[in-house]
Amino acid sequence: MKKHRHMERWKSPDSQQLRFWMQAAFIGLCLWIGLEFSLWYFWHEGSGNIYASRPAGVEGFLPISALMSLYYLLLSGNIHPVHPAGLFILIAIVIMSVLMKKSFCSWMCPVGTLSENVGEFGKKLFGRNFRVWKWLDYPLRSLKYLMIAFLVYVVFFQMDENSLRMFLDSPYNRVADVKMFLFFKDISRTSLIVIGVLLALSLVIRNFWCRYLCPYGALLGLTGLLSPFRITRNVESCIDCAKCAKVCPNRIAVDRLHVVLSDECTTCMACVSACPVQNTLELKASRKSRLTVKPAWVAAAVAGIFLLVTGIAMLSGKWNSAIGEAEYSRRIKDIDNPIYQHNQGSAPQENMAGQGREPGGGSGTGME
């Protein structure tokens, strides 16, 4: 048993309250983007009478298009003009993970915030969160890595610069944001059932989607392994209370590790906040490092990287899509055309539309 002097509690900024407010701010931003996009869509559809400009931030919900744009940038050195905001948001999130592990997941991601709070509600409802058996947990956790591996294989190994450009220029990708909106606007019974099942599972198994199915989280987990910072435990001052492990949303056995190397760590700082002994759990570059990263620094880094990257995109004129309002209006009114379908990995080009094209319509491979 450690000496009683180690039991002295210490005051620190409430990292979880800080994280809550950052999550709330980002949820508010997403809701505002959703409202603006809805007004913009209904105006162009012809059923709305309130005009709003299209919010480029909606492209943050097009991760596959952003991943293709990123690879296109690496191959060609050019930023593709369709949905460039999605590319910059992806770049910002990857930089976050390289610096502060999967911090986006716990400090900003709206799906992560929803999943976390559903789990907390389930804990209050049932008195606990249940855990998947270890023999099943590992195979289930591999699912998200299999999904991101498949996406990386298709994009990075099956597509060259020309095929990437053709997809990014395709009618389907040009209205991918509209298609995403229509998915939720006219959501099918099957989709509702799937979402309901995921919510039900998240009630009893905390962070079910994030832990087992989110390919975005898998990507950030892998890039997060490059982060120089780790949660580090001082074995000498640790009193073995296991409070850190109990509060960890990702079920990492922090109390048994010297350094947390897990790809599941999201730098949420819950374990550091729960530790009752000063200087026992810290976020630092190495066990011998004197520099300790405070929760406020994590928040500042996450928000700062996001604002810096997106701000550079805006100031450089690379933030807004080159698709004009007139083109969007035309395509929204013709959204049921087969050229806006994506079947078996193939996005039709506009010259395949035949009689479905409007006179004077664009080719789908150039900007209008």
Protein backbone atom coordinates (compact mmCIF):
# COMPACT_ATOMS: atom_id res chain seq x y z
CA MET A 1 0.00 0.00 0.00
CA LYS A 2 1.37 3.39 -0.93
CA LYS A 3 1.94 6.00 1.75
CA HIS A 4 -1.03 8.06 2.85
CA ARG A 5 0.58 11.26 1.61
CA HIS A 6 -0.12 10.09 -1.94
CA MET A 7 -3.85 10.18 -1.17
CA GLU A 8 -3.80 13.97 -1.14
CA ARG A 9 -6.30 15.14 -3.69
CA TRP A 10 -5.44 17.91 -6.06
CA LYS A 11 -7.34 20.54 -7.96
CA SER A 12 -7.09 20.74 -11.73
CA PRO A 13 -9.21 22.27 -14.46
CA ASP A 14 -12.28 20.14 -15.10
CA SER A 15 -11.20 18.62 -18.40
CA GLN A 16 -14.48 16.81 -18.89
CA GLN A 17 -16.51 19.98 -18.51
CA LEU A 18 -14.19 21.68 -21.00
CA ARG A 19 -14.64 18.74 -23.36
CA PHE A 20 -18.42 18.90 -22.93
CA TRP A 21 -18.54 22.54 -23.99
CA MET A 22 -16.33 21.91 -27.00
CA GLN A 23 -18.54 18.98 -28.02
CA ALA A 24 -21.64 21.14 -27.54
CA ALA A 25 -20.13 23.94 -29.65
CA PHE A 26 -19.34 21.53 -32.49
CA ILE A 27 -22.80 19.95 -32.29
CA GLY A 28 -24.25 23.46 -32.52
CA LEU A 29 -22.10 24.16 -35.58
CA CYS A 30 -23.28 20.94 -37.24
CA LEU A 31 -26.93 21.77 -36.50
CA TRP A 32 -26.47 25.24 -37.97
CA ILE A 33 -24.88 23.76 -41.10
CA GLY A 34 -27.79 21.30 -41.33
CA LEU A 35 -30.35 24.11 -41.06
CA GLU A 36 -28.62 26.25 -43.68
CA PHE A 37 -28.24 23.32 -46.06
CA SER A 38 -31.92 22.41 -45.64
CA LEU A 39 -33.05 25.94 -46.47
CA TRP A 40 -30.64 26.04 -49.41
CA TYR A 41 -31.90 22.69 -50.75
CA PHE A 42 -35.61 23.50 -50.46
CA TRP A 43 -35.03 26.86 -52.15
CA HIS A 44 -33.42 25.18 -55.17
CA GLU A 45 -35.98 22.39 -55.16
CA GLY A 46 -38.69 25.03 -55.41
CA SER A 47 -40.58 24.23 -52.22
CA GLY A 48 -38.91 26.77 -49.93
CA ASN A 49 -39.25 30.54 -49.74
CA ILE A 50 -36.25 31.32 -47.50
CA TYR A 51 -32.89 31.51 -49.26
CA ALA A 52 -29.66 30.51 -47.52
CA SER A 53 -26.24 30.10 -49.07
CA ARG A 54 -24.84 26.59 -49.26
CA PRO A 55 -22.58 25.93 -46.23
CA ALA A 56 -19.33 24.38 -47.46
CA GLY A 57 -18.90 22.71 -44.04
CA VAL A 58 -21.49 20.12 -45.07
CA GLU A 59 -18.70 18.44 -47.04
CA GLY A 60 -17.24 17.26 -43.73
CA PHE A 61 -19.90 14.55 -43.90
CA LEU A 62 -18.48 13.22 -47.19
CA PRO A 63 -15.42 11.31 -45.91
CA ILE A 64 -15.04 8.97 -48.91
CA SER A 65 -15.06 11.86 -51.38
CA ALA A 66 -12.55 13.65 -49.13
CA LEU A 67 -10.30 10.58 -49.03
CA MET A 68 -10.33 10.42 -52.83
CA SER A 69 -9.58 14.15 -53.03
CA LEU A 70 -6.65 13.66 -50.65
CA TYR A 71 -5.14 10.94 -52.82
CA TYR A 72 -5.79 13.02 -55.94
CA LEU A 73 -3.89 15.88 -54.28
CA LEU A 74 -0.97 13.58 -53.48
CA LEU A 75 -0.84 12.27 -57.07
CA SER A 76 -1.46 15.46 -59.01
CA GLY A 77 -0.43 18.20 -56.62
CA ASN A 78 -3.78 19.88 -57.30
CA ILE A 79 -6.82 20.47 -55.10
CA HIS A 80 -9.86 19.14 -56.91
CA PRO A 81 -12.47 21.94 -57.14
CA VAL A 82 -15.48 19.75 -56.24
CA HIS A 83 -16.07 19.60 -52.46
CA PRO A 84 -12.65 21.01 -51.44
CA ALA A 85 -13.89 21.86 -47.93
CA GLY A 86 -14.25 18.14 -47.21
CA LEU A 87 -10.58 17.66 -48.14
CA PHE A 88 -9.41 20.40 -45.77
CA ILE A 89 -11.57 19.10 -42.93
CA LEU A 90 -10.08 15.63 -43.40
CA ILE A 91 -6.55 17.08 -43.43
CA ALA A 92 -7.29 18.98 -40.19
CA ILE A 93 -8.62 15.85 -38.49
CA VAL A 94 -5.62 13.75 -39.57
CA ILE A 95 -3.21 16.42 -38.28
CA MET A 96 -5.11 16.38 -34.97
CA SER A 97 -4.62 12.64 -34.65
CA VAL A 98 -0.93 12.78 -35.54
CA LEU A 99 -0.43 15.35 -32.79
CA MET A 100 -3.00 14.32 -30.16
CA LYS A 101 -4.10 10.80 -31.15
CA LYS A 102 -7.84 10.28 -31.82
CA SER A 103 -8.69 13.58 -30.15
CA PHE A 104 -11.24 14.49 -32.82
CA CYS A 105 -13.34 11.48 -31.78
CA SER A 106 -13.68 12.60 -28.16
CA TRP A 107 -13.54 16.38 -28.46
CA MET A 108 -15.42 17.17 -31.69
CA CYS A 109 -17.03 14.28 -33.56
CA PRO A 110 -20.84 14.67 -33.40
CA VAL A 111 -21.39 10.92 -33.84
CA GLY A 112 -18.89 10.22 -31.06
CA THR A 113 -20.64 12.72 -28.81
CA LEU A 114 -24.03 11.12 -29.51
CA SER A 115 -22.66 7.62 -28.95
CA GLU A 116 -21.02 8.65 -25.69
CA ASN A 117 -24.16 10.27 -24.31
CA VAL A 118 -26.40 7.38 -25.36
CA GLY A 119 -24.03 5.10 -23.45
CA GLU A 120 -24.20 7.34 -20.39
CA PHE A 121 -28.00 7.28 -20.55
CA GLY A 122 -27.90 3.49 -20.82
CA LYS A 123 -25.68 3.32 -17.75
CA LYS A 124 -28.21 5.35 -15.75
CA LEU A 125 -31.06 3.29 -17.16
CA PHE A 126 -29.59 -0.15 -16.50
CA GLY A 127 -27.17 0.71 -13.71
CA ARG A 128 -24.16 -0.28 -15.82
CA ASN A 129 -22.74 -0.62 -19.31
CA PHE A 130 -22.24 -4.17 -20.48
CA ARG A 131 -19.08 -5.51 -22.05
CA VAL A 132 -18.66 -7.87 -24.96
CA TRP A 133 -16.77 -11.06 -24.12
CA LYS A 134 -13.04 -10.81 -24.89
CA TRP A 135 -13.18 -13.66 -27.38
CA LEU A 136 -15.80 -11.68 -29.33
CA ASP A 137 -14.48 -8.18 -28.64
CA TYR A 138 -11.29 -8.55 -30.68
CA PRO A 139 -12.98 -9.91 -33.84
CA LEU A 140 -15.63 -7.18 -33.64
CA ARG A 141 -13.00 -4.46 -33.24
CA SER A 142 -11.32 -5.70 -36.39
CA LEU A 143 -14.43 -4.85 -38.45
CA LYS A 144 -13.68 -1.12 -38.61
CA TYR A 145 -10.11 -1.85 -39.68
CA LEU A 146 -11.31 -4.21 -42.38
CA MET A 147 -13.62 -1.48 -43.67
CA ILE A 148 -10.92 1.20 -43.76
CA ALA A 149 -8.51 -1.32 -45.31
CA PHE A 150 -11.04 -1.99 -48.07
CA LEU A 151 -11.51 1.74 -48.72
CA VAL A 152 -7.76 2.36 -48.77
CA TYR A 153 -7.26 -0.60 -51.11
CA VAL A 154 -9.94 0.61 -53.54
CA VAL A 155 -8.82 4.25 -53.52
CA PHE A 156 -5.03 3.99 -53.19
CA PHE A 157 -4.37 0.75 -55.04
CA GLN A 158 -7.16 0.45 -57.60
CA MET A 159 -7.45 4.05 -58.80
CA ASP A 160 -4.97 6.20 -60.68
CA GLU A 161 -5.03 9.96 -61.17
CA ASN A 162 -7.30 9.77 -64.20
CA SER A 163 -9.87 7.44 -62.58
CA LEU A 164 -9.88 9.60 -59.46
CA ARG A 165 -10.52 12.72 -61.52
CA MET A 166 -13.31 10.97 -63.42
CA PHE A 167 -15.03 9.96 -60.18
CA LEU A 168 -14.59 13.38 -58.55
CA ASP A 169 -15.95 15.04 -61.70
CA SER A 170 -18.84 12.58 -62.03
CA PRO A 171 -22.44 13.79 -61.63
CA TYR A 172 -22.80 11.51 -58.60
CA ASN A 173 -19.94 13.12 -56.69
CA ARG A 174 -20.98 16.62 -57.72
CA VAL A 175 -24.27 16.14 -55.85
CA ALA A 176 -22.97 13.78 -53.13
CA ASP A 177 -23.94 16.35 -50.49
CA VAL A 178 -27.49 16.50 -51.86
CA LYS A 179 -27.70 12.69 -51.98
CA MET A 180 -26.58 12.52 -48.36
CA PHE A 181 -29.27 15.03 -47.37
CA LEU A 182 -31.95 13.09 -49.25
CA PHE A 183 -30.87 9.88 -47.49
CA PHE A 184 -31.99 11.38 -44.17
CA LYS A 185 -34.87 13.42 -45.60
CA ASP A 186 -36.48 10.36 -47.21
CA ILE A 187 -34.97 7.74 -44.96
CA SER A 188 -36.08 4.19 -45.66
CA ARG A 189 -37.56 1.76 -43.17
CA THR A 190 -34.47 -0.45 -43.46
CA SER A 191 -32.18 2.47 -42.62
CA LEU A 192 -34.34 3.41 -39.63
CA ILE A 193 -34.18 -0.18 -38.36
CA VAL A 194 -30.37 -0.25 -38.72
CA ILE A 195 -30.00 3.10 -36.91
CA GLY A 196 -32.42 1.90 -34.20
CA VAL A 197 -30.41 -1.28 -33.68
CA LEU A 198 -27.17 0.71 -33.41
CA LEU A 199 -28.74 3.06 -30.86
CA ALA A 200 -30.08 0.11 -28.85
CA LEU A 201 -26.65 -1.54 -28.84
CA SER A 202 -25.04 1.76 -27.82
CA LEU A 203 -27.39 1.92 -24.82
CA VAL A 204 -26.02 -1.30 -23.37
CA ILE A 205 -22.49 -1.30 -24.88
CA ARG A 206 -20.88 2.09 -24.58
CA ASN A 207 -19.49 3.54 -27.83
CA PHE A 208 -20.61 0.50 -29.81
CA TRP A 209 -20.38 2.27 -33.19
CA CYS A 210 -17.05 3.94 -32.43
CA ARG A 211 -15.45 0.82 -30.98
CA TYR A 212 -16.51 -1.70 -33.59
CA LEU A 213 -17.76 -0.11 -36.81
CA CYS A 214 -16.44 3.41 -37.49
CA PRO A 215 -13.86 3.26 -40.31
CA TYR A 216 -13.04 6.94 -39.79
CA GLY A 217 -12.09 6.13 -36.18
CA ALA A 218 -9.94 3.23 -37.41
CA LEU A 219 -8.04 5.57 -39.74
CA LEU A 220 -7.46 8.09 -36.95
CA GLY A 221 -6.44 5.29 -34.59
CA LEU A 222 -3.70 4.25 -37.00
CA THR A 223 -2.45 7.80 -37.70
CA GLY A 224 -2.70 8.47 -33.96
CA LEU A 225 0.04 5.91 -33.37
CA LEU A 226 2.41 8.55 -34.76
CA SER A 227 1.51 10.96 -31.95
CA PRO A 228 4.45 11.83 -29.69
CA PHE A 229 2.16 12.18 -26.67
CA ARG A 230 0.93 9.32 -24.47
CA ILE A 231 -0.97 8.95 -21.22
CA THR A 232 1.80 8.00 -18.78
CA ARG A 233 1.37 6.47 -15.31
CA ASN A 234 3.79 7.09 -12.45
CA VAL A 235 3.95 3.64 -10.86
CA GLU A 236 5.60 4.92 -7.67
CA SER A 237 2.84 7.39 -6.79
CA CYS A 238 -0.07 5.29 -8.10
CA ILE A 239 -2.34 4.03 -5.30
CA ASP A 240 -3.96 1.32 -7.46
CA CYS A 241 -7.47 2.72 -7.05
CA ALA A 242 -8.28 1.82 -10.69
CA LYS A 243 -10.45 4.94 -11.07
CA CYS A 244 -8.71 5.72 -14.36
CA ALA A 245 -9.70 2.39 -15.88
CA LYS A 246 -13.28 2.71 -14.63
CA VAL A 247 -13.87 6.04 -16.35
CA CYS A 248 -12.06 5.23 -19.60
CA PRO A 249 -14.76 5.25 -22.31
CA ASN A 250 -12.67 2.87 -24.42
CA ARG A 251 -12.09 0.28 -21.68
CA ILE A 252 -8.30 0.67 -21.64
CA ALA A 253 -6.69 -0.85 -18.52
CA VAL A 254 -4.85 2.38 -17.71
CA ASP A 255 -4.20 1.22 -14.13
CA ARG A 256 -2.07 -1.67 -15.38
CA LEU A 257 0.01 0.19 -17.95
CA HIS A 258 3.09 2.35 -17.67
CA VAL A 259 2.35 4.07 -20.98
CA VAL A 260 -0.94 3.92 -22.91
CA LEU A 261 -0.05 2.92 -26.46
CA SER A 262 -3.51 1.71 -27.47
CA ASP A 263 -4.93 2.86 -30.80
CA GLU A 264 -8.28 3.17 -28.99
CA CYS A 265 -7.08 6.09 -26.82
CA THR A 266 -8.86 9.31 -27.80
CA THR A 267 -6.99 11.66 -25.42
CA CYS A 268 -10.29 12.48 -23.74
CA MET A 269 -8.35 13.07 -20.48
CA ALA A 270 -11.08 11.36 -18.42
CA CYS A 271 -8.51 9.12 -16.73
CA VAL A 272 -6.26 12.08 -15.87
CA SER A 273 -9.25 13.97 -14.46
CA ALA A 274 -10.31 10.97 -12.34
CA CYS A 275 -6.88 10.31 -10.83
CA PRO A 276 -6.83 11.42 -7.16
CA VAL A 277 -3.04 11.75 -6.94
CA GLN A 278 -1.14 14.66 -8.38
CA ASN A 279 1.39 13.97 -11.15
CA THR A 280 0.45 10.28 -11.37
CA LEU A 281 -1.38 10.25 -14.68
CA GLU A 282 -0.10 12.72 -17.24
CA LEU A 283 -0.10 13.29 -20.96
CA LYS A 284 3.52 13.65 -22.01
CA ALA A 285 5.99 12.78 -24.76
CA SER A 286 7.94 10.29 -22.64
CA ARG A 287 8.02 8.95 -19.09
CA LYS A 288 11.05 11.13 -18.30
CA SER A 289 9.75 14.26 -19.97
CA ARG A 290 9.17 17.25 -17.71
CA LEU A 291 6.63 18.76 -20.08
CA THR A 292 3.08 17.75 -19.16
CA VAL A 293 0.28 18.53 -21.59
CA LYS A 294 -2.66 20.01 -19.70
CA PRO A 295 -6.30 19.37 -20.73
CA ALA A 296 -6.66 23.01 -21.78
CA TRP A 297 -3.70 22.54 -24.12
CA VAL A 298 -5.40 19.55 -25.74
CA ALA A 299 -8.57 21.60 -26.25
CA ALA A 300 -6.56 24.51 -27.67
CA ALA A 301 -4.64 22.19 -30.02
CA VAL A 302 -7.78 20.48 -31.32
CA ALA A 303 -9.70 23.72 -31.86
CA GLY A 304 -6.61 25.55 -33.11
CA ILE A 305 -5.72 22.96 -35.76
CA PHE A 306 -9.30 22.84 -37.02
CA LEU A 307 -9.60 26.64 -37.23
CA LEU A 308 -6.11 27.07 -38.72
CA VAL A 309 -6.53 24.54 -41.55
CA THR A 310 -10.08 25.57 -42.45
CA GLY A 311 -9.12 29.24 -42.10
CA ILE A 312 -6.23 28.81 -44.54
CA ALA A 313 -8.64 27.16 -46.99
CA MET A 314 -11.09 30.06 -46.71
CA LEU A 315 -8.45 32.81 -46.99
CA SER A 316 -6.79 31.13 -49.98
CA GLY A 317 -10.11 30.84 -51.84
CA LYS A 318 -9.99 27.03 -51.80
CA TRP A 319 -12.87 26.46 -49.37
CA ASN A 320 -15.97 26.76 -51.55
CA SER A 321 -16.85 24.27 -54.27
CA ALA A 322 -16.57 25.47 -57.86
CA ILE A 323 -20.05 24.10 -58.58
CA GLY A 324 -22.28 27.11 -59.17
CA GLU A 325 -25.79 27.75 -57.87
CA ALA A 326 -27.27 27.41 -61.35
CA GLU A 327 -25.73 23.97 -61.81
CA TYR A 328 -26.90 22.83 -58.39
CA SER A 329 -30.41 24.08 -59.10
CA ARG A 330 -30.53 22.18 -62.39
CA ARG A 331 -29.19 18.98 -60.89
CA ILE A 332 -31.46 19.06 -57.82
CA LYS A 333 -34.51 19.28 -60.06
CA ASP A 334 -33.20 16.28 -62.02
CA ILE A 335 -31.91 14.29 -59.04
CA ASP A 336 -33.80 11.09 -59.98
CA ASN A 337 -31.79 10.84 -63.20
CA PRO A 338 -29.74 7.56 -63.36
CA ILE A 339 -26.52 9.56 -63.71
CA TYR A 340 -26.80 10.42 -60.02
CA GLN A 341 -26.77 6.79 -58.93
CA HIS A 342 -23.73 4.94 -57.64
CA ASN A 343 -23.95 1.23 -58.36
CA GLN A 344 -21.37 -1.47 -57.64
CA GLY A 345 -18.54 1.00 -57.25
CA SER A 346 -19.28 2.76 -60.55
CA ALA A 347 -20.35 6.40 -60.93
CA PRO A 348 -21.89 7.02 -64.40
CA GLN A 349 -20.56 9.91 -66.44
CA GLU A 350 -22.89 12.55 -67.77
CA ASN A 351 -22.62 11.52 -71.41
CA MET A 352 -24.35 8.25 -70.42
CA ALA A 353 -27.51 10.10 -69.51
CA GLY A 354 -28.88 10.06 -73.03
CA GLN A 355 -32.32 11.55 -73.16
CA GLY A 356 -32.26 12.25 -69.44
CA ARG A 357 -29.95 15.22 -69.98
CA GLU A 358 -31.21 18.72 -70.18
CA PRO A 359 -30.25 20.73 -73.25
CA GLY A 360 -27.11 22.73 -72.58
CA GLY A 361 -26.15 20.58 -69.57
CA GLY A 362 -22.49 20.20 -68.58
CA SER A 363 -20.36 17.22 -69.48
CA GLY A 364 -19.75 16.21 -65.88
CA THR A 365 -16.00 16.40 -66.42
CA GLY A 366 -15.64 20.16 -66.47
CA MET A 367 -16.72 23.02 -64.27
CA GLU A 368 -19.77 25.05 -65.20
